[in-house]
Amino acid sequence: MGSQHADPALTVRPPKEIQSAAKAVLDARGREMRAFVTACLAAVAAEPDEVLAMLASHWPAPKPRGRPRGAGRRE
């Protein structure tokens, strides 16, 4: 059985401090987080070089994927 939703899910877990601060700013302006993320994705799809350049100083460092080195190793 296929998904009942028209659009695929997107799960992100930004740091709590960033999410809280952004939510406060958006709430104060009558905006919601879901719509903001959708607007950002639409903007980068429409004007990738400009939007990515604007965000460059805010870009988070890459997070390591998978298990940490040595995890699960028995000594």
C-alpha atoms as a PDB file:
ATOM      1  CA  MET A   1       0.000   0.000   0.000  1.00  0.00           C
ATOM      2  CA  GLY A   2       1.400   3.389  -0.977  1.00  0.00           C
ATOM      3  CA  SER A   3       1.737   6.424   1.238  1.00  0.00           C
ATOM      4  CA  GLN A   4      -1.426   8.445   1.830  1.00  0.00           C
ATOM      5  CA  HIS A   5       0.611  11.645   1.619  1.00  0.00           C
ATOM      6  CA  ALA A   6       1.172  13.458  -1.664  1.00  0.00           C
ATOM      7  CA  ASP A   7       4.627  14.710  -0.661  1.00  0.00           C
ATOM      8  CA  PRO A   8       7.558  12.744   0.771  1.00  0.00           C
ATOM      9  CA  ALA A   9       8.551  13.323   4.388  1.00  0.00           C
ATOM     10  CA  LEU A  10      11.671  15.282   5.323  1.00  0.00           C
ATOM     11  CA  THR A  11      13.085  14.784   8.786  1.00  0.00           C
ATOM     12  CA  VAL A  12      15.729  17.119  10.170  1.00  0.00           C
ATOM     13  CA  ARG A  13      16.961  17.618  13.709  1.00  0.00           C
ATOM     14  CA  PRO A  14      18.529  21.053  14.067  1.00  0.00           C
ATOM     15  CA  PRO A  15      20.123  21.955  17.400  1.00  0.00           C
ATOM     16  CA  LYS A  16      17.493  22.893  19.983  1.00  0.00           C
ATOM     17  CA  GLU A  17      18.875  26.416  20.459  1.00  0.00           C
ATOM     18  CA  ILE A  18      18.714  27.217  16.735  1.00  0.00           C
ATOM     19  CA  GLN A  19      15.239  25.748  16.348  1.00  0.00           C
ATOM     20  CA  SER A  20      13.892  27.653  19.365  1.00  0.00           C
ATOM     21  CA  ALA A  21      15.399  30.964  18.233  1.00  0.00           C
ATOM     22  CA  ALA A  22      14.111  30.543  14.679  1.00  0.00           C
ATOM     23  CA  LYS A  23      10.641  29.565  15.915  1.00  0.00           C
ATOM     24  CA  ALA A  24      10.478  32.684  18.082  1.00  0.00           C
ATOM     25  CA  VAL A  25      11.440  34.887  15.128  1.00  0.00           C
ATOM     26  CA  LEU A  26       8.948  33.198  12.801  1.00  0.00           C
ATOM     27  CA  ASP A  27       6.137  33.265  15.402  1.00  0.00           C
ATOM     28  CA  ALA A  28       6.694  36.992  15.959  1.00  0.00           C
ATOM     29  CA  ARG A  29       6.185  37.515  12.247  1.00  0.00           C
ATOM     30  CA  GLY A  30       3.155  35.242  11.882  1.00  0.00           C
ATOM     31  CA  ARG A  31       5.048  32.533   9.997  1.00  0.00           C
ATOM     32  CA  GLU A  32       5.326  28.812  10.621  1.00  0.00           C
ATOM     33  CA  MET A  33       8.374  26.564  10.511  1.00  0.00           C
ATOM     34  CA  ARG A  34       7.020  24.080   7.943  1.00  0.00           C
ATOM     35  CA  ALA A  35       6.177  26.842   5.478  1.00  0.00           C
ATOM     36  CA  PHE A  36       9.581  28.468   6.088  1.00  0.00           C
ATOM     37  CA  VAL A  37      11.442  25.246   5.264  1.00  0.00           C
ATOM     38  CA  THR A  38       9.309  24.809   2.131  1.00  0.00           C
ATOM     39  CA  ALA A  39      10.048  28.412   1.104  1.00  0.00           C
ATOM     40  CA  CYS A  40      13.793  27.853   1.611  1.00  0.00           C
ATOM     41  CA  LEU A  41      13.731  24.714  -0.536  1.00  0.00           C
ATOM     42  CA  ALA A  42      11.776  26.549  -3.246  1.00  0.00           C
ATOM     43  CA  ALA A  43      14.271  29.438  -3.136  1.00  0.00           C
ATOM     44  CA  VAL A  44      17.334  27.195  -3.476  1.00  0.00           C
ATOM     45  CA  ALA A  45      15.685  25.316  -6.354  1.00  0.00           C
ATOM     46  CA  ALA A  46      14.904  28.603  -8.134  1.00  0.00           C
ATOM     47  CA  GLU A  47      18.138  30.515  -7.413  1.00  0.00           C
ATOM     48  CA  PRO A  48      20.730  28.016  -6.155  1.00  0.00           C
ATOM     49  CA  ASP A  49      23.888  30.129  -6.429  1.00  0.00           C
ATOM     50  CA  GLU A  50      22.385  33.198  -4.770  1.00  0.00           C
ATOM     51  CA  VAL A  51      20.655  31.340  -1.947  1.00  0.00           C
ATOM     52  CA  LEU A  52      23.621  29.075  -1.173  1.00  0.00           C
ATOM     53  CA  ALA A  53      25.961  32.074  -1.163  1.00  0.00           C
ATOM     54  CA  MET A  54      23.665  33.883   1.281  1.00  0.00           C
ATOM     55  CA  LEU A  55      23.608  30.834   3.578  1.00  0.00           C
ATOM     56  CA  ALA A  56      27.340  30.043   3.379  1.00  0.00           C
ATOM     57  CA  SER A  57      28.218  31.639   6.722  1.00  0.00           C
ATOM     58  CA  HIS A  58      25.375  29.745   8.439  1.00  0.00           C
ATOM     59  CA  TRP A  59      26.119  26.328   6.963  1.00  0.00           C
ATOM     60  CA  PRO A  60      26.677  23.687   9.673  1.00  0.00           C
ATOM     61  CA  ALA A  61      29.753  21.487   9.672  1.00  0.00           C
ATOM     62  CA  PRO A  62      29.109  17.998   8.312  1.00  0.00           C
ATOM     63  CA  LYS A  63      28.156  15.408  10.897  1.00  0.00           C
ATOM     64  CA  PRO A  64      29.905  12.055  10.796  1.00  0.00           C
ATOM     65  CA  ARG A  65      27.665   9.231   9.627  1.00  0.00           C
ATOM     66  CA  GLY A  66      27.528   5.686  10.900  1.00  0.00           C
ATOM     67  CA  ARG A  67      29.150   4.288  13.996  1.00  0.00           C
ATOM     68  CA  PRO A  68      31.992   6.110  15.669  1.00  0.00           C
ATOM     69  CA  ARG A  69      35.405   4.573  15.005  1.00  0.00           C
ATOM     70  CA  GLY A  70      36.046   1.679  17.323  1.00  0.00           C
ATOM     71  CA  ALA A  71      32.408   1.377  18.378  1.00  0.00           C
ATOM     72  CA  GLY A  72      31.454  -2.185  19.049  1.00  0.00           C
ATOM     73  CA  ARG A  73      35.047  -3.366  19.004  1.00  0.00           C
ATOM     74  CA  ARG A  74      35.884  -5.802  21.760  1.00  0.00           C
ATOM     75  CA  GLU A  75      39.217  -5.672  23.468  1.00  0.00           C
END
